[in-house]
Amino acid sequence: MAKKAASAKPTRSAPADKKISARSPLSADWRIVLLIGDDIFLQQDATRRLREALAARHGDVDVFSFDGAAAQPAPVLDECRSFGLLAGHKLVIVNDAEQLVKEDARPLFERYAAAPADGSTLLLRANSFIEGKLGEAIRAVGAVLSCEPPTDQEAFAWITTDGAARHAVSLDRAAATILLERVGPDLARLDSEMGKLAAAAGESKAITPDLVREFVGLSRDEEIWAIQSRLVAGKPTDRLRELRYIFDVSRTPPQLVLYALTDLSRKIHAACRAAKAGANEFHIAKALRLWGDSRDAILGAARTTDPARALAVFRACVDADRRSKSGLGNAERAAEISVLRLPRWRRD
């Protein structure tokens, strides 16, 4: 039995030409909500907060989900208009809504938006969406929210506000900056890392810069530089320990580690040959774009070996990388063997 559609009280949430952030407060008065953007974390978080707002207003909420790529408009809109069996309110979710609300289906949703049912809230989740008249109609009874990936500034603000509150922790600007540098503006990863840091902080609930450095993996560029500077100088046990850190804490793909090792062995071989030919180390470093700790480590390793051995190590790394990409052998094991083949540089 269908419930007669009732006109909801207009609730303009933003100008017709502007989406508001999905991080903004959500209202239980909204009858239709359109989420636009491919940030899955923001979509899921907005969905959770909308359901909580509806539950606070109406008590139990029945949730019905539809796949926009497979659903038809009529069943979705009939679900919005029909009575709930047990709960006082219904939340009807359409994923990949851009696949459903298009062409001939669009006028059906425009007419529904003109008189949405009071007993349900329609949530349209789309990666991209052409609003048109439907966007204006939705804003009259609900909201259009942006779920685009955040900028660095927005991610920093999320860490120090929403993220800190979500995990009941405190952190200063220095800790937040290091976390953002290592993870990037990916809210899902930031949320996961903050959960790990909150557990590591224990009863103090204070996330310090040192705690971030200890428990959050290095960025991809930093990981490569760490491999190319620290592994060459270390003892065999130190090299393997560093590899386990990169695999287990940084969660770097073994293929990336093999690439870094292959590139490192190439640089050692090139530096070794250039040095044997009489080139000075300044010009070698400039040609190979070496700087920082990796410069001394690579040049030092080149001094301890000969071109033939350096070439053999380079070829072995290339072969290990090729075999890994072909699905032959264990990539992590290949990385361990490759790093032990590298010539060792001893600090004077």
C-alpha atoms as a PDB file:
ATOM      1  CA  MET A   1       0.000   0.000   0.000  1.00  0.00           C
ATOM      2  CA  ALA A   2       1.523   3.260  -1.083  1.00  0.00           C
ATOM      3  CA  LYS A   3       1.625   6.285   1.116  1.00  0.00           C
ATOM      4  CA  LYS A   4       0.404   9.508  -0.408  1.00  0.00           C
ATOM      5  CA  ALA A   5       3.323  11.801  -1.056  1.00  0.00           C
ATOM      6  CA  ALA A   6       3.378  14.857   1.131  1.00  0.00           C
ATOM      7  CA  SER A   7       5.144  18.082   0.471  1.00  0.00           C
ATOM      8  CA  ALA A   8       8.107  18.633   2.783  1.00  0.00           C
ATOM      9  CA  LYS A   9       8.869  21.995   4.258  1.00  0.00           C
ATOM     10  CA  PRO A  10      11.459  23.728   2.037  1.00  0.00           C
ATOM     11  CA  THR A  11      14.903  23.730   3.576  1.00  0.00           C
ATOM     12  CA  ARG A  12      17.412  25.560   1.433  1.00  0.00           C
ATOM     13  CA  SER A  13      20.871  24.395   2.421  1.00  0.00           C
ATOM     14  CA  ALA A  14      22.966  26.353  -0.074  1.00  0.00           C
ATOM     15  CA  PRO A  15      22.720  28.593  -3.114  1.00  0.00           C
ATOM     16  CA  ALA A  16      21.497  26.735  -6.179  1.00  0.00           C
ATOM     17  CA  ASP A  17      24.894  26.970  -7.873  1.00  0.00           C
ATOM     18  CA  LYS A  18      27.003  25.733  -4.958  1.00  0.00           C
ATOM     19  CA  LYS A  19      27.571  22.374  -3.240  1.00  0.00           C
ATOM     20  CA  ILE A  20      28.311  22.408   0.449  1.00  0.00           C
ATOM     21  CA  SER A  21      30.842  20.078   2.039  1.00  0.00           C
ATOM     22  CA  ALA A  22      29.766  16.635   3.163  1.00  0.00           C
ATOM     23  CA  ARG A  23      31.550  17.447   6.429  1.00  0.00           C
ATOM     24  CA  SER A  24      28.882  20.060   7.218  1.00  0.00           C
ATOM     25  CA  PRO A  25      26.132  19.280   9.759  1.00  0.00           C
ATOM     26  CA  LEU A  26      23.318  17.165   8.309  1.00  0.00           C
ATOM     27  CA  SER A  27      19.615  17.703   8.953  1.00  0.00           C
ATOM     28  CA  ALA A  28      16.901  15.134   9.644  1.00  0.00           C
ATOM     29  CA  ASP A  29      14.499  17.517   7.876  1.00  0.00           C
ATOM     30  CA  TRP A  30      16.088  16.825   4.498  1.00  0.00           C
ATOM     31  CA  ARG A  31      13.967  14.506   2.355  1.00  0.00           C
ATOM     32  CA  ILE A  32      16.520  14.113  -0.457  1.00  0.00           C
ATOM     33  CA  VAL A  33      20.301  14.282  -0.186  1.00  0.00           C
ATOM     34  CA  LEU A  34      22.663  14.119  -3.159  1.00  0.00           C
ATOM     35  CA  LEU A  35      26.322  13.268  -2.508  1.00  0.00           C
ATOM     36  CA  ILE A  36      28.638  14.071  -5.428  1.00  0.00           C
ATOM     37  CA  GLY A  37      32.288  13.008  -5.460  1.00  0.00           C
ATOM     38  CA  ASP A  38      34.496   9.940  -5.430  1.00  0.00           C
ATOM     39  CA  ASP A  39      35.863  10.184  -1.887  1.00  0.00           C
ATOM     40  CA  ILE A  40      34.422   6.985  -0.426  1.00  0.00           C
ATOM     41  CA  PHE A  41      35.293   7.973   3.138  1.00  0.00           C
ATOM     42  CA  LEU A  42      33.295  11.208   2.892  1.00  0.00           C
ATOM     43  CA  GLN A  43      30.355   9.385   1.320  1.00  0.00           C
ATOM     44  CA  GLN A  44      30.304   6.733   4.038  1.00  0.00           C
ATOM     45  CA  ASP A  45      30.798   9.265   6.829  1.00  0.00           C
ATOM     46  CA  ALA A  46      27.982  11.482   5.528  1.00  0.00           C
ATOM     47  CA  THR A  47      25.722   8.432   5.231  1.00  0.00           C
ATOM     48  CA  ARG A  48      26.482   7.427   8.823  1.00  0.00           C
ATOM     49  CA  ARG A  49      25.833  10.916  10.181  1.00  0.00           C
ATOM     50  CA  LEU A  50      22.611  11.268   8.192  1.00  0.00           C
ATOM     51  CA  ARG A  51      21.338   7.958   9.564  1.00  0.00           C
ATOM     52  CA  GLU A  52      22.248   9.043  13.103  1.00  0.00           C
ATOM     53  CA  ALA A  53      20.373  12.333  12.624  1.00  0.00           C
ATOM     54  CA  LEU A  54      17.310  10.482  11.354  1.00  0.00           C
ATOM     55  CA  ALA A  55      17.460   7.981  14.227  1.00  0.00           C
ATOM     56  CA  ALA A  56      17.669  10.813  16.748  1.00  0.00           C
ATOM     57  CA  ARG A  57      14.523  12.340  15.253  1.00  0.00           C
ATOM     58  CA  HIS A  58      12.460   9.271  14.339  1.00  0.00           C
ATOM     59  CA  GLY A  59      13.813   6.388  16.397  1.00  0.00           C
ATOM     60  CA  ASP A  60      14.542   3.201  14.428  1.00  0.00           C
ATOM     61  CA  VAL A  61      15.379   3.696  10.759  1.00  0.00           C
ATOM     62  CA  ASP A  62      14.973   1.053   8.047  1.00  0.00           C
ATOM     63  CA  VAL A  63      17.715   1.200   5.414  1.00  0.00           C
ATOM     64  CA  PHE A  64      17.162   0.045   1.819  1.00  0.00           C
ATOM     65  CA  SER A  65      20.014   0.059  -0.703  1.00  0.00           C
ATOM     66  CA  PHE A  66      19.876  -0.021  -4.504  1.00  0.00           C
ATOM     67  CA  ASP A  67      22.595  -0.414  -7.108  1.00  0.00           C
ATOM     68  CA  GLY A  68      22.167   2.446  -9.540  1.00  0.00           C
ATOM     69  CA  ALA A  69      23.686   0.452 -12.394  1.00  0.00           C
ATOM     70  CA  ALA A  70      21.063  -2.307 -12.088  1.00  0.00           C
ATOM     71  CA  ALA A  71      17.993  -0.708 -10.445  1.00  0.00           C
ATOM     72  CA  GLN A  72      14.964   0.806 -12.150  1.00  0.00           C
ATOM     73  CA  PRO A  73      13.435   4.149 -11.108  1.00  0.00           C
ATOM     74  CA  ALA A  74       9.977   2.806 -10.219  1.00  0.00           C
ATOM     75  CA  PRO A  75      11.022   0.369  -7.444  1.00  0.00           C
ATOM     76  CA  VAL A  76      13.273   3.016  -5.898  1.00  0.00           C
ATOM     77  CA  LEU A  77      10.583   5.697  -5.827  1.00  0.00           C
ATOM     78  CA  ASP A  78       7.892   3.202  -4.728  1.00  0.00           C
ATOM     79  CA  GLU A  79      10.117   2.291  -1.768  1.00  0.00           C
ATOM     80  CA  CYS A  80      10.375   5.971  -0.883  1.00  0.00           C
ATOM     81  CA  ARG A  81       6.587   6.393  -0.955  1.00  0.00           C
ATOM     82  CA  SER A  82       5.563   3.172   0.815  1.00  0.00           C
ATOM     83  CA  PHE A  83       5.047   2.722   4.552  1.00  0.00           C
ATOM     84  CA  GLY A  84       7.806   1.199   6.642  1.00  0.00           C
ATOM     85  CA  LEU A  85       6.859  -2.109   8.295  1.00  0.00           C
ATOM     86  CA  LEU A  86       8.540  -1.607  11.675  1.00  0.00           C
ATOM     87  CA  ALA A  87      10.641   1.543  11.878  1.00  0.00           C
ATOM     88  CA  GLY A  88       9.299   5.044  12.003  1.00  0.00           C
ATOM     89  CA  HIS A  89      11.397   6.239   9.056  1.00  0.00           C
ATOM     90  CA  LYS A  90      13.166   4.844   5.990  1.00  0.00           C
ATOM     91  CA  LEU A  91      16.503   5.735   4.441  1.00  0.00           C
ATOM     92  CA  VAL A  92      16.600   4.730   0.772  1.00  0.00           C
ATOM     93  CA  ILE A  93      20.152   4.710  -0.617  1.00  0.00           C
ATOM     94  CA  VAL A  94      21.048   4.604  -4.307  1.00  0.00           C
ATOM     95  CA  ASN A  95      24.710   3.903  -5.015  1.00  0.00           C
ATOM     96  CA  ASP A  96      26.193   4.988  -8.358  1.00  0.00           C
ATOM     97  CA  ALA A  97      23.151   7.198  -8.735  1.00  0.00           C
ATOM     98  CA  GLU A  98      24.490   8.741 -11.940  1.00  0.00           C
ATOM     99  CA  GLN A  99      23.807   5.379 -13.595  1.00  0.00           C
ATOM    100  CA  LEU A 100      20.124   5.485 -12.622  1.00  0.00           C
ATOM    101  CA  VAL A 101      19.137   9.150 -12.711  1.00  0.00           C
ATOM    102  CA  LYS A 102      19.690   9.893 -16.385  1.00  0.00           C
ATOM    103  CA  GLU A 103      17.772  10.458 -19.615  1.00  0.00           C
ATOM    104  CA  ASP A 104      14.125   9.354 -19.313  1.00  0.00           C
ATOM    105  CA  ALA A 105      14.488   8.605 -15.582  1.00  0.00           C
ATOM    106  CA  ARG A 106      15.444  12.175 -14.655  1.00  0.00           C
ATOM    107  CA  PRO A 107      11.912  13.670 -14.982  1.00  0.00           C
ATOM    108  CA  LEU A 108      10.598  10.964 -12.623  1.00  0.00           C
ATOM    109  CA  PHE A 109      13.018  12.031  -9.903  1.00  0.00           C
ATOM    110  CA  GLU A 110      12.314  15.705 -10.590  1.00  0.00           C
ATOM    111  CA  ARG A 111       8.587  15.095 -10.024  1.00  0.00           C
ATOM    112  CA  TYR A 112       9.324  13.148  -6.848  1.00  0.00           C
ATOM    113  CA  ALA A 113      11.548  15.958  -5.563  1.00  0.00           C
ATOM    114  CA  ALA A 114       8.645  18.365  -6.035  1.00  0.00           C
ATOM    115  CA  ALA A 115       6.587  16.356  -3.499  1.00  0.00           C
ATOM    116  CA  PRO A 116       8.776  13.887  -1.546  1.00  0.00           C
ATOM    117  CA  ALA A 117       7.292  11.523   1.008  1.00  0.00           C
ATOM    118  CA  ASP A 118       7.544  12.555   4.663  1.00  0.00           C
ATOM    119  CA  GLY A 119       8.254   9.024   5.901  1.00  0.00           C
ATOM    120  CA  SER A 120      11.496   8.503   4.012  1.00  0.00           C
ATOM    121  CA  THR A 121      14.765  10.138   3.028  1.00  0.00           C
ATOM    122  CA  LEU A 122      16.248   9.451  -0.390  1.00  0.00           C
ATOM    123  CA  LEU A 123      20.060   9.425  -0.460  1.00  0.00           C
ATOM    124  CA  LEU A 124      21.660   9.546  -3.908  1.00  0.00           C
ATOM    125  CA  ARG A 125      25.403   8.745  -3.902  1.00  0.00           C
ATOM    126  CA  ALA A 126      27.229   9.520  -7.135  1.00  0.00           C
ATOM    127  CA  ASN A 127      30.844   9.832  -8.229  1.00  0.00           C
ATOM    128  CA  SER A 128      29.812  12.479 -10.745  1.00  0.00           C
ATOM    129  CA  PHE A 129      26.461  14.034 -11.481  1.00  0.00           C
ATOM    130  CA  ILE A 130      24.917  16.628 -13.812  1.00  0.00           C
ATOM    131  CA  GLU A 131      22.510  18.475 -11.543  1.00  0.00           C
ATOM    132  CA  GLY A 132      20.334  20.581 -13.866  1.00  0.00           C
ATOM    133  CA  LYS A 133      16.761  21.125 -12.700  1.00  0.00           C
ATOM    134  CA  LEU A 134      16.990  18.138 -10.368  1.00  0.00           C
ATOM    135  CA  GLY A 135      19.749  19.790  -8.365  1.00  0.00           C
ATOM    136  CA  GLU A 136      17.580  22.855  -7.802  1.00  0.00           C
ATOM    137  CA  ALA A 137      14.610  20.670  -6.802  1.00  0.00           C
ATOM    138  CA  ILE A 138      16.749  18.678  -4.359  1.00  0.00           C
ATOM    139  CA  ARG A 139      18.058  21.834  -2.689  1.00  0.00           C
ATOM    140  CA  ALA A 140      14.479  22.976  -2.080  1.00  0.00           C
ATOM    141  CA  VAL A 141      13.828  19.930   0.123  1.00  0.00           C
ATOM    142  CA  GLY A 142      17.316  18.767   1.044  1.00  0.00           C
ATOM    143  CA  ALA A 143      20.943  19.302   0.105  1.00  0.00           C
ATOM    144  CA  VAL A 144      23.609  18.665  -2.502  1.00  0.00           C
ATOM    145  CA  LEU A 145      26.880  17.830  -0.761  1.00  0.00           C
ATOM    146  CA  SER A 146      30.408  17.641  -2.140  1.00  0.00           C
ATOM    147  CA  CYS A 147      32.416  14.479  -1.537  1.00  0.00           C
ATOM    148  CA  GLU A 148      35.440  15.516  -3.581  1.00  0.00           C
ATOM    149  CA  PRO A 149      38.851  14.512  -2.197  1.00  0.00           C
ATOM    150  CA  PRO A 150      40.121  17.207   0.184  1.00  0.00           C
ATOM    151  CA  THR A 151      43.038  19.538  -0.390  1.00  0.00           C
ATOM    152  CA  ASP A 152      46.069  19.396   1.889  1.00  0.00           C
ATOM    153  CA  GLN A 153      44.668  22.311   3.891  1.00  0.00           C
ATOM    154  CA  GLU A 154      41.278  20.628   4.278  1.00  0.00           C
ATOM    155  CA  ALA A 155      42.902  17.332   5.265  1.00  0.00           C
ATOM    156  CA  PHE A 156      45.028  19.130   7.869  1.00  0.00           C
ATOM    157  CA  ALA A 157      41.898  20.759   9.294  1.00  0.00           C
ATOM    158  CA  TRP A 158      40.192  17.334   9.404  1.00  0.00           C
ATOM    159  CA  ILE A 159      43.121  15.793  11.311  1.00  0.00           C
ATOM    160  CA  THR A 160      43.084  18.473  14.014  1.00  0.00           C
ATOM    161  CA  THR A 161      39.291  18.645  14.379  1.00  0.00           C
ATOM    162  CA  ASP A 162      37.117  15.773  13.140  1.00  0.00           C
ATOM    163  CA  GLY A 163      39.895  13.190  13.235  1.00  0.00           C
ATOM    164  CA  ALA A 164      41.022  14.127  16.729  1.00  0.00           C
ATOM    165  CA  ALA A 165      37.435  14.084  18.008  1.00  0.00           C
ATOM    166  CA  ARG A 166      36.636  10.818  16.204  1.00  0.00           C
ATOM    167  CA  HIS A 167      39.494   9.005  17.954  1.00  0.00           C
ATOM    168  CA  ALA A 168      39.418  11.016  21.213  1.00  0.00           C
ATOM    169  CA  VAL A 169      43.046  12.089  20.899  1.00  0.00           C
ATOM    170  CA  SER A 170      45.041  15.307  21.040  1.00  0.00           C
ATOM    171  CA  LEU A 171      47.861  16.315  18.710  1.00  0.00           C
ATOM    172  CA  ASP A 172      49.727  19.508  17.946  1.00  0.00           C
ATOM    173  CA  ARG A 173      50.464  21.128  14.588  1.00  0.00           C
ATOM    174  CA  ALA A 174      53.839  19.400  14.289  1.00  0.00           C
ATOM    175  CA  ALA A 175      52.346  15.913  14.694  1.00  0.00           C
ATOM    176  CA  ALA A 176      49.503  16.726  12.295  1.00  0.00           C
ATOM    177  CA  THR A 177      51.960  18.065   9.715  1.00  0.00           C
ATOM    178  CA  ILE A 178      54.150  14.943   9.828  1.00  0.00           C
ATOM    179  CA  LEU A 179      51.086  12.702   9.588  1.00  0.00           C
ATOM    180  CA  LEU A 180      49.828  14.596   6.530  1.00  0.00           C
ATOM    181  CA  GLU A 181      53.259  14.499   4.890  1.00  0.00           C
ATOM    182  CA  ARG A 182      53.506  10.734   5.342  1.00  0.00           C
ATOM    183  CA  VAL A 183      49.943   9.754   4.449  1.00  0.00           C
ATOM    184  CA  GLY A 184      48.726  12.531   2.128  1.00  0.00           C
ATOM    185  CA  PRO A 185      45.182  13.999   2.001  1.00  0.00           C
ATOM    186  CA  ASP A 186      43.465  10.599   1.892  1.00  0.00           C
ATOM    187  CA  LEU A 187      40.858  10.718   4.666  1.00  0.00           C
ATOM    188  CA  ALA A 188      40.337   6.952   4.742  1.00  0.00           C
ATOM    189  CA  ARG A 189      44.058   6.330   5.285  1.00  0.00           C
ATOM    190  CA  LEU A 190      44.328   9.232   7.725  1.00  0.00           C
ATOM    191  CA  ASP A 191      41.438   7.811   9.742  1.00  0.00           C
ATOM    192  CA  SER A 192      43.039   4.354   9.773  1.00  0.00           C
ATOM    193  CA  GLU A 193      46.445   5.715  10.825  1.00  0.00           C
ATOM    194  CA  MET A 194      44.897   7.880  13.547  1.00  0.00           C
ATOM    195  CA  GLY A 195      43.126   4.834  14.920  1.00  0.00           C
ATOM    196  CA  LYS A 196      46.469   3.017  15.081  1.00  0.00           C
ATOM    197  CA  LEU A 197      48.135   6.012  16.713  1.00  0.00           C
ATOM    198  CA  ALA A 198      45.323   6.347  19.251  1.00  0.00           C
ATOM    199  CA  ALA A 199      45.879   2.745  20.311  1.00  0.00           C
ATOM    200  CA  ALA A 200      49.648   3.307  20.502  1.00  0.00           C
ATOM    201  CA  ALA A 201      49.192   6.490  22.582  1.00  0.00           C
ATOM    202  CA  GLY A 202      47.460   4.516  25.308  1.00  0.00           C
ATOM    203  CA  GLU A 203      45.868   6.283  28.252  1.00  0.00           C
ATOM    204  CA  SER A 204      47.560   9.609  27.498  1.00  0.00           C
ATOM    205  CA  LYS A 205      45.638   9.909  24.205  1.00  0.00           C
ATOM    206  CA  ALA A 206      48.373  12.283  23.035  1.00  0.00           C
ATOM    207  CA  ILE A 207      49.748  11.784  19.524  1.00  0.00           C
ATOM    208  CA  THR A 208      53.263  13.230  19.433  1.00  0.00           C
ATOM    209  CA  PRO A 209      55.552  13.803  16.431  1.00  0.00           C
ATOM    210  CA  ASP A 210      57.799  10.960  17.619  1.00  0.00           C
ATOM    211  CA  LEU A 211      54.813   8.618  17.815  1.00  0.00           C
ATOM    212  CA  VAL A 212      53.846   9.460  14.228  1.00  0.00           C
ATOM    213  CA  ARG A 213      57.407   8.848  13.018  1.00  0.00           C
ATOM    214  CA  GLU A 214      57.510   5.491  14.799  1.00  0.00           C
ATOM    215  CA  PHE A 215      54.155   4.072  13.708  1.00  0.00           C
ATOM    216  CA  VAL A 216      53.320   5.721  10.370  1.00  0.00           C
ATOM    217  CA  GLY A 217      55.183   4.594   7.282  1.00  0.00           C
ATOM    218  CA  LEU A 218      57.246   6.930   5.159  1.00  0.00           C
ATOM    219  CA  SER A 219      55.881   8.489   1.998  1.00  0.00           C
ATOM    220  CA  ARG A 220      56.679   6.699  -1.267  1.00  0.00           C
ATOM    221  CA  ASP A 221      59.507   9.052  -2.226  1.00  0.00           C
ATOM    222  CA  GLU A 222      60.924   8.900   1.290  1.00  0.00           C
ATOM    223  CA  GLU A 223      60.743   5.101   1.218  1.00  0.00           C
ATOM    224  CA  ILE A 224      62.822   4.948  -1.955  1.00  0.00           C
ATOM    225  CA  TRP A 225      65.390   7.378  -0.554  1.00  0.00           C
ATOM    226  CA  ALA A 226      65.467   5.432   2.706  1.00  0.00           C
ATOM    227  CA  ILE A 227      66.250   2.245   0.789  1.00  0.00           C
ATOM    228  CA  GLN A 228      68.916   3.900  -1.300  1.00  0.00           C
ATOM    229  CA  SER A 229      70.684   5.619   1.576  1.00  0.00           C
ATOM    230  CA  ARG A 230      70.270   3.393   4.634  1.00  0.00           C
ATOM    231  CA  LEU A 231      70.448  -0.113   3.186  1.00  0.00           C
ATOM    232  CA  VAL A 232      73.798   0.392   1.507  1.00  0.00           C
ATOM    233  CA  ALA A 233      75.454   1.600   4.689  1.00  0.00           C
ATOM    234  CA  GLY A 234      73.957  -0.978   7.024  1.00  0.00           C
ATOM    235  CA  LYS A 235      75.087  -4.392   8.134  1.00  0.00           C
ATOM    236  CA  PRO A 236      73.222  -7.360   6.612  1.00  0.00           C
ATOM    237  CA  THR A 237      70.973  -7.598   9.680  1.00  0.00           C
ATOM    238  CA  ASP A 238      70.295  -3.850   9.534  1.00  0.00           C
ATOM    239  CA  ARG A 239      69.322  -4.080   5.868  1.00  0.00           C
ATOM    240  CA  LEU A 240      66.870  -6.884   6.513  1.00  0.00           C
ATOM    241  CA  ARG A 241      65.410  -5.038   9.511  1.00  0.00           C
ATOM    242  CA  GLU A 242      64.874  -1.947   7.362  1.00  0.00           C
ATOM    243  CA  LEU A 243      63.177  -4.050   4.700  1.00  0.00           C
ATOM    244  CA  ARG A 244      60.775  -5.531   7.266  1.00  0.00           C
ATOM    245  CA  TYR A 245      59.937  -2.013   8.451  1.00  0.00           C
ATOM    246  CA  ILE A 246      59.148  -0.944   4.891  1.00  0.00           C
ATOM    247  CA  PHE A 247      57.032  -4.039   4.240  1.00  0.00           C
ATOM    248  CA  ASP A 248      55.252  -4.321   7.598  1.00  0.00           C
ATOM    249  CA  VAL A 249      54.898  -0.703   8.776  1.00  0.00           C
ATOM    250  CA  SER A 250      55.025   1.390   5.612  1.00  0.00           C
ATOM    251  CA  ARG A 251      53.203  -1.395   3.746  1.00  0.00           C
ATOM    252  CA  THR A 252      55.160  -0.603   0.618  1.00  0.00           C
ATOM    253  CA  PRO A 253      54.468  -3.024  -2.261  1.00  0.00           C
ATOM    254  CA  PRO A 254      57.395  -5.412  -2.798  1.00  0.00           C
ATOM    255  CA  GLN A 255      57.443  -4.431  -6.478  1.00  0.00           C
ATOM    256  CA  LEU A 256      58.235  -0.835  -5.505  1.00  0.00           C
ATOM    257  CA  VAL A 257      61.059  -2.029  -3.240  1.00  0.00           C
ATOM    258  CA  LEU A 258      62.495  -4.123  -6.074  1.00  0.00           C
ATOM    259  CA  TYR A 259      62.314  -1.092  -8.342  1.00  0.00           C
ATOM    260  CA  ALA A 260      64.197   0.982  -5.765  1.00  0.00           C
ATOM    261  CA  LEU A 261      66.851  -1.714  -5.387  1.00  0.00           C
ATOM    262  CA  THR A 262      67.243  -2.032  -9.162  1.00  0.00           C
ATOM    263  CA  ASP A 263      67.616   1.725  -9.491  1.00  0.00           C
ATOM    264  CA  LEU A 264      70.097   1.739  -6.615  1.00  0.00           C
ATOM    265  CA  SER A 265      72.232  -1.023  -8.169  1.00  0.00           C
ATOM    266  CA  ARG A 266      72.178   0.873 -11.491  1.00  0.00           C
ATOM    267  CA  LYS A 267      73.488   4.005  -9.779  1.00  0.00           C
ATOM    268  CA  ILE A 268      76.228   2.065  -7.982  1.00  0.00           C
ATOM    269  CA  HIS A 269      77.329   0.455 -11.244  1.00  0.00           C
ATOM    270  CA  ALA A 270      77.317   3.776 -13.103  1.00  0.00           C
ATOM    271  CA  ALA A 271      79.217   5.512 -10.294  1.00  0.00           C
ATOM    272  CA  CYS A 272      81.749   2.669 -10.145  1.00  0.00           C
ATOM    273  CA  ARG A 273      82.455   2.788 -13.875  1.00  0.00           C
ATOM    274  CA  ALA A 274      82.713   6.592 -13.873  1.00  0.00           C
ATOM    275  CA  ALA A 275      85.101   6.549 -10.928  1.00  0.00           C
ATOM    276  CA  LYS A 276      87.334   3.924 -12.587  1.00  0.00           C
ATOM    277  CA  ALA A 277      87.388   6.140 -15.697  1.00  0.00           C
ATOM    278  CA  GLY A 278      88.762   9.013 -13.638  1.00  0.00           C
ATOM    279  CA  ALA A 279      85.649  11.181 -13.138  1.00  0.00           C
ATOM    280  CA  ASN A 280      85.531  13.131  -9.876  1.00  0.00           C
ATOM    281  CA  GLU A 281      82.783  12.448  -7.391  1.00  0.00           C
ATOM    282  CA  PHE A 282      81.187  15.878  -7.738  1.00  0.00           C
ATOM    283  CA  HIS A 283      80.470  15.310 -11.431  1.00  0.00           C
ATOM    284  CA  ILE A 284      79.362  11.719 -10.796  1.00  0.00           C
ATOM    285  CA  ALA A 285      76.861  12.847  -8.169  1.00  0.00           C
ATOM    286  CA  LYS A 286      75.550  15.597 -10.440  1.00  0.00           C
ATOM    287  CA  ALA A 287      75.100  13.245 -13.400  1.00  0.00           C
ATOM    288  CA  LEU A 288      73.290  10.627 -11.303  1.00  0.00           C
ATOM    289  CA  ARG A 289      71.299  13.254  -9.364  1.00  0.00           C
ATOM    290  CA  LEU A 290      72.594  12.131  -5.993  1.00  0.00           C
ATOM    291  CA  TRP A 291      72.241  14.248  -2.884  1.00  0.00           C
ATOM    292  CA  GLY A 292      71.902  13.974   0.876  1.00  0.00           C
ATOM    293  CA  ASP A 293      72.803  10.748   2.676  1.00  0.00           C
ATOM    294  CA  SER A 294      72.241   8.676  -0.464  1.00  0.00           C
ATOM    295  CA  ARG A 295      75.048  10.566  -2.235  1.00  0.00           C
ATOM    296  CA  ASP A 296      77.721   9.490   0.251  1.00  0.00           C
ATOM    297  CA  ALA A 297      76.300   5.974   0.574  1.00  0.00           C
ATOM    298  CA  ILE A 298      76.155   5.279  -3.172  1.00  0.00           C
ATOM    299  CA  LEU A 299      79.563   6.818  -3.893  1.00  0.00           C
ATOM    300  CA  GLY A 300      81.015   4.967  -0.902  1.00  0.00           C
ATOM    301  CA  ALA A 301      79.572   1.653  -2.120  1.00  0.00           C
ATOM    302  CA  ALA A 302      80.969   2.310  -5.598  1.00  0.00           C
ATOM    303  CA  ARG A 303      84.450   2.746  -4.108  1.00  0.00           C
ATOM    304  CA  THR A 304      84.307  -0.677  -2.421  1.00  0.00           C
ATOM    305  CA  THR A 305      83.559  -2.732  -5.528  1.00  0.00           C
ATOM    306  CA  ASP A 306      84.646  -3.096  -9.152  1.00  0.00           C
ATOM    307  CA  PRO A 307      82.589  -2.512 -12.326  1.00  0.00           C
ATOM    308  CA  ALA A 308      82.241  -6.235 -13.114  1.00  0.00           C
ATOM    309  CA  ARG A 309      80.775  -7.085  -9.706  1.00  0.00           C
ATOM    310  CA  ALA A 310      78.579  -3.965  -9.732  1.00  0.00           C
ATOM    311  CA  LEU A 311      77.233  -5.001 -13.156  1.00  0.00           C
ATOM    312  CA  ALA A 312      76.496  -8.513 -11.885  1.00  0.00           C
ATOM    313  CA  VAL A 313      74.531  -7.103  -8.945  1.00  0.00           C
ATOM    314  CA  PHE A 314      72.619  -4.784 -11.286  1.00  0.00           C
ATOM    315  CA  ARG A 315      71.710  -7.663 -13.622  1.00  0.00           C
ATOM    316  CA  ALA A 316      70.613  -9.808 -10.663  1.00  0.00           C
ATOM    317  CA  CYS A 317      68.288  -7.029  -9.456  1.00  0.00           C
ATOM    318  CA  VAL A 318      66.846  -6.577 -12.939  1.00  0.00           C
ATOM    319  CA  ASP A 319      66.201 -10.317 -13.174  1.00  0.00           C
ATOM    320  CA  ALA A 320      64.562 -10.394  -9.719  1.00  0.00           C
ATOM    321  CA  ASP A 321      62.311  -7.495 -10.706  1.00  0.00           C
ATOM    322  CA  ARG A 322      61.409  -9.173 -14.011  1.00  0.00           C
ATOM    323  CA  ARG A 323      60.594 -12.492 -12.346  1.00  0.00           C
ATOM    324  CA  SER A 324      58.456 -10.777  -9.726  1.00  0.00           C
ATOM    325  CA  LYS A 325      56.406  -8.986 -12.386  1.00  0.00           C
ATOM    326  CA  SER A 326      55.950 -12.327 -14.178  1.00  0.00           C
ATOM    327  CA  GLY A 327      54.601 -13.971 -11.038  1.00  0.00           C
ATOM    328  CA  LEU A 328      57.686 -16.125 -10.530  1.00  0.00           C
ATOM    329  CA  GLY A 329      58.899 -16.492  -6.976  1.00  0.00           C
ATOM    330  CA  ASN A 330      58.189 -14.501  -3.834  1.00  0.00           C
ATOM    331  CA  ALA A 331      58.732 -10.736  -4.297  1.00  0.00           C
ATOM    332  CA  GLU A 332      59.648 -10.072  -0.664  1.00  0.00           C
ATOM    333  CA  ARG A 333      62.151 -12.931  -0.671  1.00  0.00           C
ATOM    334  CA  ALA A 334      63.642 -11.586  -3.902  1.00  0.00           C
ATOM    335  CA  ALA A 335      64.038  -8.154  -2.303  1.00  0.00           C
ATOM    336  CA  GLU A 336      65.818  -9.659   0.701  1.00  0.00           C
ATOM    337  CA  ILE A 337      68.273 -11.533  -1.535  1.00  0.00           C
ATOM    338  CA  SER A 338      68.838  -8.464  -3.707  1.00  0.00           C
ATOM    339  CA  VAL A 339      69.603  -6.174  -0.794  1.00  0.00           C
ATOM    340  CA  LEU A 340      72.171  -8.619   0.573  1.00  0.00           C
ATOM    341  CA  ARG A 341      73.949  -8.648  -2.815  1.00  0.00           C
ATOM    342  CA  LEU A 342      74.587  -4.902  -2.692  1.00  0.00           C
ATOM    343  CA  PRO A 343      78.171  -3.833  -1.962  1.00  0.00           C
ATOM    344  CA  ARG A 344      78.481  -2.546   1.565  1.00  0.00           C
ATOM    345  CA  TRP A 345      79.648   0.948   2.373  1.00  0.00           C
ATOM    346  CA  ARG A 346      81.446   1.376   5.695  1.00  0.00           C
ATOM    347  CA  ARG A 347      81.642   4.811   7.216  1.00  0.00           C
ATOM    348  CA  ASP A 348      85.193   5.873   8.037  1.00  0.00           C
END
